[in-house]
Amino acid sequence: MEKIFKEELCCENTCGECVFPGYESLCDVFSKAIARAAIGKGKERHALPGEKFEDQFICRGTREEGHGAPRFQAIKKITEAKRLDKDAAIKELLDAMVYLAADVIVLSEELEITKKK
């Protein structure tokens, strides 16, 4: 299923119909979080050219240091968002979502390894 990014960095199907009708606003939020990691702050500060998300330090660090690392970062971002103006708070919360996604990716990898044993 082909996806595109609109100017405001929201993901939508090229046909214009949401894959999950009624969840367009949720899809937009997750798309904005992905965009922050893929073409925004995350890419600028943390990714090497061509490096897949699961190979970046955000996931490597979780594998090496444990699940407390991304969870702490998410909590830190959430706490910071409380004292910021709405625009800056949204950016912090989107970044927190990316840290939690990294945790889910590594947990999923570990679950697959456990299932294979």
Protein backbone atom coordinates (compact mmCIF):
# COMPACT_ATOMS: atom_id res chain seq x y z
CA MET A 1 0.00 0.00 0.00
CA GLU A 2 1.66 3.20 -1.15
CA LYS A 3 1.89 6.10 1.26
CA ILE A 4 2.84 9.71 0.64
CA PHE A 5 3.63 12.66 2.86
CA LYS A 6 1.51 15.75 2.43
CA GLU A 7 3.05 19.18 2.95
CA GLU A 8 2.10 19.23 6.65
CA LEU A 9 3.89 15.89 7.06
CA CYS A 10 0.78 13.78 7.45
CA CYS A 11 0.66 10.35 5.91
CA GLU A 12 -2.24 9.38 3.71
CA ASN A 13 -2.97 6.86 1.02
CA THR A 14 -2.53 8.10 -2.51
CA CYS A 15 -6.22 7.30 -3.05
CA GLY A 16 -7.11 9.76 -0.26
CA GLU A 17 -8.94 7.17 1.84
CA CYS A 18 -7.72 6.25 5.31
CA VAL A 19 -6.85 2.60 5.86
CA PHE A 20 -8.56 2.90 9.25
CA PRO A 21 -11.67 5.05 8.74
CA GLY A 22 -12.39 7.17 11.78
CA TYR A 23 -8.74 7.14 12.87
CA GLU A 24 -7.40 9.80 10.48
CA SER A 25 -6.38 12.13 13.32
CA LEU A 26 -4.44 9.33 15.04
CA CYS A 27 -2.73 8.43 11.77
CA ASP A 28 -1.74 12.07 11.33
CA VAL A 29 -0.16 12.21 14.80
CA PHE A 30 1.86 9.03 14.26
CA SER A 31 2.91 10.28 10.82
CA LYS A 32 4.16 13.52 12.34
CA ALA A 33 6.19 11.54 14.92
CA ILE A 34 7.71 9.44 12.12
CA ALA A 35 8.51 12.58 10.15
CA ARG A 36 10.33 14.10 13.15
CA ALA A 37 12.52 11.00 13.30
CA ALA A 38 12.95 10.44 9.56
CA ILE A 39 13.34 13.93 8.13
CA GLY A 40 13.53 16.21 11.13
CA LYS A 41 15.50 16.40 14.35
CA GLY A 42 16.09 12.65 14.62
CA LYS A 43 17.66 12.33 11.20
CA GLU A 44 19.79 15.44 11.66
CA ARG A 45 21.16 14.43 15.06
CA HIS A 46 21.06 10.66 15.26
CA ALA A 47 21.04 8.84 11.93
CA LEU A 48 23.92 8.00 9.66
CA PRO A 49 23.15 8.25 5.93
CA GLY A 50 21.01 5.30 4.87
CA GLU A 51 20.85 3.84 8.38
CA LYS A 52 17.58 2.05 9.18
CA PHE A 53 15.72 3.19 12.29
CA GLU A 54 16.23 -0.15 14.07
CA ASP A 55 20.00 0.16 13.51
CA GLN A 56 20.23 3.68 14.93
CA PHE A 57 21.46 4.40 18.43
CA ILE A 58 17.91 4.84 19.75
CA CYS A 59 17.40 1.07 19.27
CA ARG A 60 21.02 -0.04 19.71
CA GLY A 61 21.15 1.82 23.01
CA THR A 62 17.99 0.11 24.17
CA ARG A 63 19.49 -3.29 23.33
CA GLU A 64 22.71 -2.41 25.16
CA GLU A 65 21.36 -0.49 28.17
CA GLY A 66 17.89 -1.93 28.60
CA HIS A 67 14.34 -0.73 28.29
CA GLY A 68 14.71 1.88 30.99
CA ALA A 69 16.70 4.04 28.56
CA PRO A 70 13.95 4.90 26.04
CA ARG A 71 11.30 4.95 28.75
CA PHE A 72 13.28 7.50 30.74
CA GLN A 73 13.76 9.61 27.61
CA ALA A 74 10.01 9.47 26.91
CA ILE A 75 9.22 10.49 30.51
CA LYS A 76 11.74 13.33 30.25
CA LYS A 77 10.10 14.59 27.04
CA ILE A 78 6.61 14.32 28.55
CA THR A 79 7.74 16.24 31.65
CA GLU A 80 9.39 18.95 29.53
CA ALA A 81 6.21 19.33 27.47
CA LYS A 82 4.32 20.45 30.58
CA ARG A 83 6.29 23.69 30.82
CA LEU A 84 6.44 24.59 27.13
CA ASP A 85 4.14 26.50 24.81
CA LYS A 86 1.77 24.33 22.81
CA ASP A 87 3.87 24.18 19.61
CA ALA A 88 7.04 23.14 21.45
CA ALA A 89 5.06 20.74 23.67
CA ILE A 90 3.68 18.96 20.61
CA LYS A 91 7.22 18.44 19.29
CA GLU A 92 8.38 17.01 22.62
CA LEU A 93 5.42 14.65 22.78
CA LEU A 94 6.02 13.47 19.20
CA ASP A 95 9.64 12.76 20.17
CA ALA A 96 8.43 10.81 23.23
CA MET A 97 6.35 8.66 20.89
CA VAL A 98 9.48 7.85 18.87
CA TYR A 99 11.35 6.73 22.00
CA LEU A 100 8.42 4.49 22.93
CA ALA A 101 8.33 3.09 19.39
CA ALA A 102 12.03 2.18 19.68
CA ASP A 103 11.22 0.34 22.90
CA VAL A 104 8.39 -1.55 21.16
CA ILE A 105 10.72 -2.50 18.28
CA VAL A 106 13.35 -3.94 20.63
CA LEU A 107 10.72 -5.69 22.78
CA SER A 108 9.29 -7.25 19.62
CA GLU A 109 12.75 -8.46 18.59
CA GLU A 110 13.23 -10.03 22.01
CA LEU A 111 9.82 -11.67 21.84
CA GLU A 112 10.67 -13.22 18.47
CA ILE A 113 13.95 -14.58 19.87
CA THR A 114 12.07 -16.04 22.86
CA LYS A 115 9.50 -17.68 20.56
CA LYS A 116 12.27 -19.33 18.50
CA LYS A 117 13.80 -20.99 21.58
